[in-house]
Amino acid sequence: MATNMEQIQLNLALCNITLWEPEALSGFQLSACKLQCMENEIDPIIVKITSSIDALSDIEDVATGDTGINDVTFINTTPPSASSWAMTAHTNGTIYFGVNKSSPFYTDYIIPGVSTSTVPVQEDLGQGMEDRSDADILRDRQAVLRSQVEVLEATINGLNIYKSLIVAKKESLTSEYAG
């Protein structure tokens, strides 16, 4: 059984992730083999990000007890240029986290990946539900993404969106040429 300190170190190690900037779908959309390879890469990344979210929660809620004082401190940094975001944990509980807000994956998948339960797309203005403006939704999603954990959670949703596009394209390509 791991000691408290060993468990914290294991949890911090799970928080060392750099999310690559995936190739644009248009770059390989005509290759069923490449589409399959990209699809196969996504689930392990989702598992890794989920493990890091669980590790952060464990550090804050379980490993050191809930004292009301954060055990992990995030410091904003600049991620590597070919990534959407990067997170690097250190043994003292400092986690360097940087987001590349100009990354196509960030703008096309992570921002839309913010949960609709967090940022609703409709609101009740007293006469029933009405669609919110795209500008209001975008502003609210970007505000939510100031939280590192929200970026991680939106990334999982974004990766699932990206994967569904890959799967649909692969199935379409396969069925077009099979018949």
N, C-alpha and C. Protein backbone atom coordinates (compact mmCIF):
# COMPACT_ATOMS: atom_id res chain seq x y z
N MET A 1 0.85 -1.17 0.00
CA MET A 1 0.00 0.00 0.00
C MET A 1 0.89 1.24 0.00
N ALA A 2 0.54 2.19 -0.85
CA ALA A 2 1.34 3.41 -0.98
C ALA A 2 1.11 4.34 0.20
N THR A 3 2.16 5.05 0.56
CA THR A 3 2.00 6.07 1.59
C THR A 3 1.31 7.27 0.96
N ASN A 4 0.89 8.19 1.81
CA ASN A 4 0.23 9.40 1.35
C ASN A 4 1.11 10.13 0.33
N MET A 5 2.39 10.31 0.67
CA MET A 5 3.31 11.03 -0.20
C MET A 5 3.52 10.28 -1.52
N GLU A 6 3.64 8.97 -1.46
CA GLU A 6 3.81 8.18 -2.69
C GLU A 6 2.59 8.31 -3.60
N GLN A 7 1.41 8.27 -2.99
CA GLN A 7 0.19 8.39 -3.78
C GLN A 7 0.10 9.77 -4.42
N ILE A 8 0.45 10.80 -3.69
CA ILE A 8 0.42 12.15 -4.26
C ILE A 8 1.39 12.24 -5.43
N GLN A 9 2.57 11.67 -5.29
CA GLN A 9 3.55 11.70 -6.38
C GLN A 9 3.04 10.94 -7.59
N LEU A 10 2.39 9.80 -7.37
CA LEU A 10 1.81 9.05 -8.48
C LEU A 10 0.71 9.87 -9.17
N ASN A 11 -0.10 10.53 -8.36
CA ASN A 11 -1.16 11.36 -8.92
C ASN A 11 -0.58 12.53 -9.72
N LEU A 12 0.45 13.16 -9.18
CA LEU A 12 1.07 14.27 -9.90
C LEU A 12 1.67 13.80 -11.23
N ALA A 13 2.24 12.60 -11.23
CA ALA A 13 2.82 12.06 -12.47
C ALA A 13 1.75 11.90 -13.56
N LEU A 14 0.52 11.62 -13.15
CA LEU A 14 -0.58 11.49 -14.11
C LEU A 14 -0.96 12.82 -14.74
N CYS A 15 -0.48 13.90 -14.15
CA CYS A 15 -0.83 15.24 -14.62
C CYS A 15 0.19 15.82 -15.59
N ASN A 16 1.09 15.01 -16.08
CA ASN A 16 2.07 15.44 -17.08
C ASN A 16 1.55 15.03 -18.45
N ILE A 17 0.88 15.97 -19.11
CA ILE A 17 0.25 15.69 -20.40
C ILE A 17 0.46 16.88 -21.32
N THR A 18 0.74 16.58 -22.56
CA THR A 18 0.72 17.59 -23.62
C THR A 18 -0.26 17.09 -24.66
N LEU A 19 -1.28 17.88 -24.92
CA LEU A 19 -2.25 17.50 -25.95
C LEU A 19 -1.74 18.00 -27.28
N TRP A 20 -1.46 17.06 -28.15
CA TRP A 20 -0.94 17.40 -29.47
C TRP A 20 -1.96 18.18 -30.27
N GLU A 21 -1.50 18.82 -31.31
CA GLU A 21 -2.39 19.47 -32.26
C GLU A 21 -2.64 18.46 -33.36
N PRO A 22 -3.81 17.80 -33.36
CA PRO A 22 -4.05 16.75 -34.35
C PRO A 22 -4.07 17.31 -35.77
N GLU A 23 -3.76 16.44 -36.69
CA GLU A 23 -3.81 16.83 -38.09
C GLU A 23 -5.23 17.25 -38.45
N ALA A 24 -5.32 18.20 -39.34
CA ALA A 24 -6.64 18.59 -39.84
C ALA A 24 -7.24 17.39 -40.55
N LEU A 25 -8.49 17.16 -40.34
CA LEU A 25 -9.18 16.02 -40.93
C LEU A 25 -9.03 16.02 -42.47
N SER A 26 -8.97 17.19 -43.04
CA SER A 26 -8.85 17.29 -44.50
C SER A 26 -7.52 16.72 -45.00
N GLY A 27 -6.52 16.64 -44.13
CA GLY A 27 -5.21 16.15 -44.53
C GLY A 27 -5.15 14.66 -44.78
N PHE A 28 -6.09 13.90 -44.25
CA PHE A 28 -6.05 12.45 -44.42
C PHE A 28 -7.44 11.85 -44.60
N GLN A 29 -8.39 12.65 -44.99
CA GLN A 29 -9.76 12.19 -45.07
C GLN A 29 -10.02 11.15 -46.15
N LEU A 30 -9.08 10.94 -47.06
CA LEU A 30 -9.29 9.94 -48.11
C LEU A 30 -8.53 8.65 -47.85
N SER A 31 -7.98 8.51 -46.66
CA SER A 31 -7.25 7.30 -46.32
C SER A 31 -7.92 6.59 -45.15
N ALA A 32 -8.61 5.49 -45.45
CA ALA A 32 -9.30 4.74 -44.40
C ALA A 32 -8.30 4.22 -43.37
N CYS A 33 -7.11 3.86 -43.81
CA CYS A 33 -6.08 3.35 -42.90
C CYS A 33 -5.64 4.45 -41.92
N LYS A 34 -5.38 5.64 -42.44
CA LYS A 34 -4.96 6.76 -41.58
C LYS A 34 -6.11 7.16 -40.64
N LEU A 35 -7.33 7.13 -41.14
CA LEU A 35 -8.47 7.45 -40.29
C LEU A 35 -8.57 6.45 -39.13
N GLN A 36 -8.35 5.17 -39.42
CA GLN A 36 -8.39 4.15 -38.37
C GLN A 36 -7.28 4.38 -37.36
N CYS A 37 -6.10 4.72 -37.83
CA CYS A 37 -4.98 5.01 -36.91
C CYS A 37 -5.31 6.19 -36.00
N MET A 38 -5.88 7.24 -36.56
CA MET A 38 -6.25 8.41 -35.76
C MET A 38 -7.34 8.04 -34.75
N GLU A 39 -8.30 7.25 -35.18
CA GLU A 39 -9.36 6.82 -34.26
C GLU A 39 -8.77 6.03 -33.09
N ASN A 40 -7.82 5.15 -33.39
CA ASN A 40 -7.20 4.32 -32.36
C ASN A 40 -6.38 5.14 -31.36
N GLU A 41 -5.89 6.30 -31.76
CA GLU A 41 -5.09 7.14 -30.88
C GLU A 41 -5.92 7.92 -29.88
N ILE A 42 -7.18 8.14 -30.18
CA ILE A 42 -7.98 9.05 -29.36
C ILE A 42 -8.38 8.45 -28.01
N ASP A 43 -8.84 7.22 -27.95
CA ASP A 43 -9.30 6.64 -26.68
C ASP A 43 -8.20 6.62 -25.61
N PRO A 44 -6.96 6.24 -25.93
CA PRO A 44 -5.92 6.30 -24.89
C PRO A 44 -5.67 7.72 -24.37
N ILE A 45 -5.82 8.70 -25.25
CA ILE A 45 -5.65 10.09 -24.81
C ILE A 45 -6.78 10.48 -23.86
N ILE A 46 -7.99 10.08 -24.19
CA ILE A 46 -9.14 10.37 -23.32
C ILE A 46 -8.94 9.72 -21.95
N VAL A 47 -8.45 8.48 -21.95
CA VAL A 47 -8.20 7.78 -20.68
C VAL A 47 -7.14 8.53 -19.87
N LYS A 48 -6.10 8.99 -20.54
CA LYS A 48 -5.02 9.71 -19.85
C LYS A 48 -5.53 11.02 -19.24
N ILE A 49 -6.33 11.75 -19.99
CA ILE A 49 -6.87 13.02 -19.49
C ILE A 49 -7.84 12.76 -18.34
N THR A 50 -8.68 11.74 -18.47
CA THR A 50 -9.61 11.38 -17.39
C THR A 50 -8.83 11.00 -16.13
N SER A 51 -7.75 10.26 -16.29
CA SER A 51 -6.92 9.88 -15.14
C SER A 51 -6.31 11.11 -14.47
N SER A 52 -5.94 12.10 -15.25
CA SER A 52 -5.37 13.32 -14.66
C SER A 52 -6.44 14.11 -13.90
N ILE A 53 -7.66 14.14 -14.41
CA ILE A 53 -8.75 14.81 -13.70
C ILE A 53 -9.01 14.10 -12.37
N ASP A 54 -9.06 12.76 -12.42
CA ASP A 54 -9.26 11.98 -11.20
C ASP A 54 -8.11 12.20 -10.22
N ALA A 55 -6.88 12.28 -10.74
CA ALA A 55 -5.71 12.49 -9.88
C ALA A 55 -5.78 13.85 -9.19
N LEU A 56 -6.17 14.87 -9.93
CA LEU A 56 -6.30 16.20 -9.32
C LEU A 56 -7.35 16.19 -8.23
N SER A 57 -8.46 15.52 -8.50
CA SER A 57 -9.52 15.41 -7.50
C SER A 57 -9.03 14.64 -6.28
N ASP A 58 -8.29 13.56 -6.52
CA ASP A 58 -7.76 12.75 -5.43
C ASP A 58 -6.81 13.55 -4.55
N ILE A 59 -5.95 14.31 -5.17
CA ILE A 59 -5.00 15.13 -4.40
C ILE A 59 -5.76 16.10 -3.52
N GLU A 60 -6.74 16.78 -4.10
CA GLU A 60 -7.47 17.80 -3.35
C GLU A 60 -8.43 17.23 -2.31
N ASP A 61 -9.11 16.13 -2.64
CA ASP A 61 -10.19 15.65 -1.78
C ASP A 61 -9.83 14.46 -0.89
N VAL A 62 -8.89 13.64 -1.32
CA VAL A 62 -8.64 12.40 -0.61
C VAL A 62 -7.23 12.35 -0.03
N ALA A 63 -6.26 12.54 -0.88
CA ALA A 63 -4.87 12.30 -0.48
C ALA A 63 -4.42 13.15 0.70
N THR A 64 -4.78 14.42 0.71
CA THR A 64 -4.31 15.29 1.78
C THR A 64 -5.44 15.82 2.65
N GLY A 65 -6.63 15.37 2.41
CA GLY A 65 -7.76 15.84 3.21
C GLY A 65 -8.23 17.20 2.73
N ASP A 66 -9.44 17.53 3.00
CA ASP A 66 -10.00 18.80 2.57
C ASP A 66 -9.85 19.82 3.68
N THR A 67 -8.80 20.62 3.58
CA THR A 67 -8.54 21.65 4.59
C THR A 67 -9.07 23.00 4.15
N GLY A 68 -9.57 23.07 2.91
CA GLY A 68 -10.01 24.35 2.38
C GLY A 68 -8.88 25.11 1.71
N ILE A 69 -7.68 24.60 1.82
CA ILE A 69 -6.52 25.21 1.17
C ILE A 69 -6.13 24.33 0.00
N ASN A 70 -6.01 24.91 -1.18
CA ASN A 70 -5.65 24.12 -2.35
C ASN A 70 -4.27 23.51 -2.17
N ASP A 71 -4.17 22.22 -2.48
CA ASP A 71 -2.89 21.52 -2.41
C ASP A 71 -2.13 21.64 -3.73
N VAL A 72 -2.85 21.96 -4.79
CA VAL A 72 -2.25 22.11 -6.11
C VAL A 72 -2.38 23.57 -6.52
N THR A 73 -1.30 24.12 -7.04
CA THR A 73 -1.31 25.49 -7.53
C THR A 73 -1.01 25.48 -9.02
N PHE A 74 -1.89 26.06 -9.80
CA PHE A 74 -1.68 26.15 -11.24
C PHE A 74 -0.98 27.46 -11.57
N ILE A 75 0.00 27.38 -12.44
CA ILE A 75 0.72 28.56 -12.92
C ILE A 75 0.59 28.57 -14.43
N ASN A 76 0.08 29.69 -14.96
CA ASN A 76 -0.09 29.78 -16.41
C ASN A 76 1.27 29.88 -17.08
N THR A 77 1.40 29.16 -18.17
CA THR A 77 2.64 29.13 -18.93
C THR A 77 2.31 29.04 -20.41
N THR A 78 3.31 29.06 -21.24
CA THR A 78 3.12 28.93 -22.68
C THR A 78 3.38 27.49 -23.08
N PRO A 79 2.41 26.85 -23.75
CA PRO A 79 2.62 25.45 -24.16
C PRO A 79 3.53 25.39 -25.38
N PRO A 80 4.05 24.20 -25.67
CA PRO A 80 4.82 24.03 -26.91
C PRO A 80 3.96 24.42 -28.11
N SER A 81 4.57 24.95 -29.15
CA SER A 81 3.83 25.51 -30.27
C SER A 81 2.96 24.51 -31.02
N ALA A 82 3.33 23.25 -31.04
CA ALA A 82 2.55 22.26 -31.79
C ALA A 82 1.50 21.56 -30.93
N SER A 83 1.11 22.18 -29.83
CA SER A 83 0.13 21.56 -28.95
C SER A 83 -1.06 22.47 -28.73
N SER A 84 -2.17 21.87 -28.29
CA SER A 84 -3.35 22.64 -27.93
C SER A 84 -3.23 23.16 -26.50
N TRP A 85 -2.68 22.30 -25.62
CA TRP A 85 -2.39 22.71 -24.25
C TRP A 85 -1.38 21.73 -23.67
N ALA A 86 -0.75 22.17 -22.58
CA ALA A 86 0.24 21.32 -21.92
C ALA A 86 0.15 21.53 -20.42
N MET A 87 0.34 20.45 -19.67
CA MET A 87 0.28 20.48 -18.22
C MET A 87 1.50 19.71 -17.70
N THR A 88 2.28 20.36 -16.84
CA THR A 88 3.46 19.74 -16.26
C THR A 88 3.41 19.90 -14.75
N ALA A 89 3.38 18.77 -14.04
CA ALA A 89 3.28 18.79 -12.57
C ALA A 89 4.66 18.65 -11.94
N HIS A 90 4.83 19.31 -10.80
CA HIS A 90 6.07 19.21 -10.04
C HIS A 90 5.75 18.69 -8.64
N THR A 91 6.74 18.11 -7.99
CA THR A 91 6.53 17.43 -6.71
C THR A 91 6.05 18.35 -5.60
N ASN A 92 6.21 19.65 -5.75
CA ASN A 92 5.75 20.56 -4.71
C ASN A 92 4.28 20.95 -4.87
N GLY A 93 3.60 20.36 -5.87
CA GLY A 93 2.18 20.65 -6.08
C GLY A 93 1.95 21.76 -7.07
N THR A 94 3.01 22.30 -7.64
CA THR A 94 2.87 23.33 -8.67
C THR A 94 2.66 22.65 -10.01
N ILE A 95 1.64 23.08 -10.72
CA ILE A 95 1.37 22.53 -12.04
C ILE A 95 1.38 23.69 -13.03
N TYR A 96 2.29 23.59 -13.97
CA TYR A 96 2.36 24.58 -15.04
C TYR A 96 1.38 24.16 -16.12
N PHE A 97 0.51 25.09 -16.50
CA PHE A 97 -0.55 24.78 -17.45
C PHE A 97 -0.64 25.91 -18.46
N GLY A 98 -0.54 25.56 -19.73
CA GLY A 98 -0.65 26.57 -20.77
C GLY A 98 -1.58 26.12 -21.87
N VAL A 99 -2.33 27.06 -22.39
CA VAL A 99 -3.29 26.79 -23.46
C VAL A 99 -2.90 27.62 -24.68
N ASN A 100 -2.90 26.97 -25.82
CA ASN A 100 -2.65 27.64 -27.08
C ASN A 100 -4.01 28.03 -27.66
N LYS A 101 -4.47 29.23 -27.34
CA LYS A 101 -5.82 29.65 -27.72
C LYS A 101 -5.97 29.89 -29.22
N SER A 102 -4.86 29.90 -29.95
CA SER A 102 -4.94 30.03 -31.40
C SER A 102 -4.87 28.67 -32.10
N SER A 103 -4.76 27.62 -31.32
CA SER A 103 -4.73 26.26 -31.87
C SER A 103 -6.05 25.94 -32.54
N PRO A 104 -6.00 25.41 -33.76
CA PRO A 104 -7.26 25.02 -34.42
C PRO A 104 -8.06 24.00 -33.60
N PHE A 105 -7.38 23.06 -32.94
CA PHE A 105 -8.12 22.08 -32.14
C PHE A 105 -8.81 22.77 -30.95
N TYR A 106 -8.14 23.74 -30.35
CA TYR A 106 -8.73 24.47 -29.23
C TYR A 106 -9.99 25.22 -29.69
N THR A 107 -9.88 25.94 -30.81
CA THR A 107 -11.03 26.74 -31.26
C THR A 107 -12.14 25.90 -31.87
N ASP A 108 -11.76 24.81 -32.59
CA ASP A 108 -12.76 24.03 -33.30
C ASP A 108 -13.39 22.91 -32.49
N TYR A 109 -12.69 22.44 -31.43
CA TYR A 109 -13.19 21.28 -30.69
C TYR A 109 -13.27 21.49 -29.18
N ILE A 110 -12.27 22.15 -28.59
CA ILE A 110 -12.30 22.31 -27.14
C ILE A 110 -13.36 23.33 -26.73
N ILE A 111 -13.39 24.49 -27.38
CA ILE A 111 -14.40 25.50 -27.02
C ILE A 111 -15.81 24.92 -27.22
N PRO A 112 -16.12 24.30 -28.38
CA PRO A 112 -17.45 23.68 -28.52
C PRO A 112 -17.66 22.49 -27.59
N GLY A 113 -16.58 21.95 -27.01
CA GLY A 113 -16.68 20.82 -26.10
C GLY A 113 -17.13 21.19 -24.69
N VAL A 114 -17.28 22.48 -24.41
CA VAL A 114 -17.79 22.89 -23.10
C VAL A 114 -19.22 22.39 -22.97
N SER A 115 -19.48 21.72 -21.88
CA SER A 115 -20.78 21.09 -21.67
C SER A 115 -21.93 22.09 -21.73
N THR A 116 -23.02 21.67 -22.37
CA THR A 116 -24.21 22.53 -22.41
C THR A 116 -24.86 22.65 -21.04
N SER A 117 -24.52 21.75 -20.12
CA SER A 117 -25.04 21.91 -18.75
C SER A 117 -24.27 23.03 -18.03
N THR A 118 -23.05 23.31 -18.48
CA THR A 118 -22.27 24.41 -17.91
C THR A 118 -22.61 25.72 -18.59
N VAL A 119 -22.68 25.69 -19.91
CA VAL A 119 -23.04 26.88 -20.70
C VAL A 119 -24.22 26.48 -21.59
N PRO A 120 -25.43 26.79 -21.15
CA PRO A 120 -26.60 26.40 -21.93
C PRO A 120 -26.68 27.16 -23.26
N VAL A 121 -27.26 26.52 -24.26
CA VAL A 121 -27.42 27.15 -25.57
C VAL A 121 -28.78 27.81 -25.71
N GLN A 122 -29.64 27.58 -24.73
CA GLN A 122 -30.95 28.22 -24.70
C GLN A 122 -31.16 28.83 -23.32
N GLU A 123 -32.04 29.84 -23.28
CA GLU A 123 -32.38 30.46 -21.99
C GLU A 123 -33.87 30.80 -21.99
N ASP A 124 -34.41 30.86 -20.79
CA ASP A 124 -35.82 31.20 -20.64
C ASP A 124 -35.93 32.69 -20.39
N LEU A 125 -36.49 33.39 -21.34
CA LEU A 125 -36.66 34.85 -21.22
C LEU A 125 -38.08 35.20 -20.79
N GLY A 126 -38.76 34.26 -20.18
CA GLY A 126 -40.11 34.51 -19.67
C GLY A 126 -41.21 34.08 -20.63
N GLN A 127 -40.85 33.80 -21.86
CA GLN A 127 -41.85 33.38 -22.84
C GLN A 127 -41.45 32.04 -23.45
N GLY A 128 -40.81 31.22 -22.66
CA GLY A 128 -40.35 29.93 -23.17
C GLY A 128 -38.86 29.98 -23.51
N MET A 129 -38.36 28.84 -23.88
CA MET A 129 -36.94 28.73 -24.18
C MET A 129 -36.61 29.34 -25.53
N GLU A 130 -35.54 30.12 -25.56
CA GLU A 130 -35.07 30.73 -26.80
C GLU A 130 -33.59 30.47 -26.95
N ASP A 131 -33.14 30.36 -28.19
CA ASP A 131 -31.72 30.15 -28.46
C ASP A 131 -30.93 31.39 -28.06
N ARG A 132 -29.79 31.15 -27.42
CA ARG A 132 -28.87 32.24 -27.09
C ARG A 132 -28.05 32.57 -28.32
N SER A 133 -27.54 33.77 -28.39
CA SER A 133 -26.73 34.15 -29.54
C SER A 133 -25.40 33.41 -29.51
N ASP A 134 -24.85 33.16 -30.70
CA ASP A 134 -23.56 32.49 -30.80
C ASP A 134 -22.47 33.26 -30.06
N ALA A 135 -22.53 34.58 -30.13
CA ALA A 135 -21.53 35.42 -29.45
C ALA A 135 -21.60 35.25 -27.93
N ASP A 136 -22.82 35.18 -27.38
CA ASP A 136 -22.98 34.99 -25.93
C ASP A 136 -22.49 33.61 -25.50
N ILE A 137 -22.80 32.60 -26.29
CA ILE A 137 -22.36 31.24 -25.97
C ILE A 137 -20.84 31.17 -26.00
N LEU A 138 -20.24 31.72 -27.05
CA LEU A 138 -18.78 31.72 -27.18
C LEU A 138 -18.12 32.44 -26.00
N ARG A 139 -18.63 33.60 -25.65
CA ARG A 139 -18.07 34.37 -24.53
C ARG A 139 -18.14 33.57 -23.23
N ASP A 140 -19.28 32.94 -22.97
CA ASP A 140 -19.45 32.16 -21.74
C ASP A 140 -18.57 30.92 -21.73
N ARG A 141 -18.43 30.27 -22.89
CA ARG A 141 -17.56 29.09 -22.97
C ARG A 141 -16.11 29.48 -22.71
N GLN A 142 -15.67 30.58 -23.30
CA GLN A 142 -14.30 31.03 -23.09
C GLN A 142 -14.06 31.40 -21.62
N ALA A 143 -15.06 31.96 -20.97
CA ALA A 143 -14.93 32.29 -19.55
C ALA A 143 -14.79 31.03 -18.70
N VAL A 144 -15.55 30.00 -19.04
CA VAL A 144 -15.47 28.73 -18.31
C VAL A 144 -14.10 28.10 -18.49
N LEU A 145 -13.52 28.26 -19.67
CA LEU A 145 -12.23 27.64 -19.98
C LEU A 145 -11.05 28.33 -19.31
N ARG A 146 -11.30 29.24 -18.42
CA ARG A 146 -10.21 29.81 -17.61
C ARG A 146 -9.81 28.84 -16.51
N SER A 147 -10.69 27.90 -16.20
CA SER A 147 -10.40 26.85 -15.21
C SER A 147 -9.70 25.70 -15.92
N GLN A 148 -8.57 25.27 -15.35
CA GLN A 148 -7.79 24.20 -15.97
C GLN A 148 -8.58 22.90 -16.05
N VAL A 149 -9.32 22.57 -15.01
CA VAL A 149 -10.10 21.33 -15.02
C VAL A 149 -11.20 21.41 -16.08
N GLU A 150 -11.78 22.56 -16.27
CA GLU A 150 -12.78 22.72 -17.33
C GLU A 150 -12.16 22.52 -18.70
N VAL A 151 -10.91 22.98 -18.89
CA VAL A 151 -10.22 22.74 -20.16
C VAL A 151 -10.05 21.24 -20.38
N LEU A 152 -9.66 20.53 -19.33
CA LEU A 152 -9.48 19.08 -19.44
C LEU A 152 -10.80 18.40 -19.78
N GLU A 153 -11.86 18.77 -19.10
CA GLU A 153 -13.16 18.16 -19.35
C GLU A 153 -13.68 18.49 -20.75
N ALA A 154 -13.51 19.74 -21.17
CA ALA A 154 -13.94 20.13 -22.52
C ALA A 154 -13.10 19.44 -23.58
N THR A 155 -11.84 19.15 -23.26
CA THR A 155 -10.98 18.44 -24.20
C THR A 155 -11.50 17.03 -24.44
N ILE A 156 -11.96 16.37 -23.39
CA ILE A 156 -12.52 15.03 -23.56
C ILE A 156 -13.73 15.09 -24.49
N ASN A 157 -14.60 16.06 -24.27
CA ASN A 157 -15.76 16.22 -25.16
C ASN A 157 -15.31 16.54 -26.58
N GLY A 158 -14.31 17.42 -26.71
CA GLY A 158 -13.79 17.79 -28.02
C GLY A 158 -13.17 16.60 -28.74
N LEU A 159 -12.44 15.77 -28.01
CA LEU A 159 -11.86 14.57 -28.62
C LEU A 159 -12.95 13.60 -29.08
N ASN A 160 -14.02 13.50 -28.30
CA ASN A 160 -15.14 12.64 -28.72
C ASN A 160 -15.82 13.18 -29.98
N ILE A 161 -15.93 14.51 -30.09
CA ILE A 161 -16.49 15.13 -31.30
C ILE A 161 -15.57 14.82 -32.49
N TYR A 162 -14.28 15.02 -32.29
CA TYR A 162 -13.29 14.76 -33.34
C TYR A 162 -13.34 13.29 -33.77
N LYS A 163 -13.41 12.40 -32.79
CA LYS A 163 -13.47 10.96 -33.09
C LYS A 163 -14.73 10.62 -33.88
N SER A 164 -15.87 11.21 -33.51
CA SER A 164 -17.10 10.91 -34.24
C SER A 164 -17.01 11.36 -35.70
N LEU A 165 -16.32 12.46 -35.96
CA LEU A 165 -16.13 12.90 -37.34
C LEU A 165 -15.23 11.92 -38.10
N ILE A 166 -14.17 11.45 -37.43
CA ILE A 166 -13.26 10.48 -38.05
C ILE A 166 -14.01 9.18 -38.37
N VAL A 167 -14.79 8.69 -37.42
CA VAL A 167 -15.54 7.44 -37.61
C VAL A 167 -16.54 7.60 -38.76
N ALA A 168 -17.26 8.71 -38.77
CA ALA A 168 -18.25 8.93 -39.83
C ALA A 168 -17.58 9.01 -41.19
N LYS A 169 -16.45 9.71 -41.27
CA LYS A 169 -15.74 9.83 -42.53
C LYS A 169 -15.20 8.46 -42.99
N LYS A 170 -14.65 7.70 -42.04
CA LYS A 170 -14.11 6.37 -42.36
C LYS A 170 -15.22 5.45 -42.85
N GLU A 171 -16.37 5.46 -42.16
CA GLU A 171 -17.49 4.61 -42.57
C GLU A 171 -18.02 5.01 -43.94
N SER A 172 -18.09 6.31 -44.17
CA SER A 172 -18.55 6.80 -45.47
C SER A 172 -17.58 6.39 -46.57
N LEU A 173 -16.32 6.56 -46.32
CA LEU A 173 -15.28 6.21 -47.30
C LEU A 173 -15.29 4.71 -47.58
N THR A 174 -15.39 3.92 -46.52
CA THR A 174 -15.40 2.47 -46.68
C THR A 174 -16.63 1.99 -47.44
N SER A 175 -17.79 2.53 -47.12
CA SER A 175 -19.01 2.08 -47.79
C SER A 175 -19.07 2.55 -49.24
N GLU A 176 -18.52 3.72 -49.54
CA GLU A 176 -18.52 4.24 -50.91
C GLU A 176 -17.72 3.34 -51.84
N TYR A 177 -16.60 2.84 -51.35
CA TYR A 177 -15.72 2.05 -52.19
C TYR A 177 -15.97 0.55 -52.08
N ALA A 178 -16.80 0.15 -51.12
CA ALA A 178 -17.11 -1.27 -50.96
C ALA A 178 -18.23 -1.70 -51.90
N GLY A 179 -19.07 -0.74 -52.29
CA GLY A 179 -20.24 -1.09 -53.05
C GLY A 179 -20.04 -0.99 -54.49
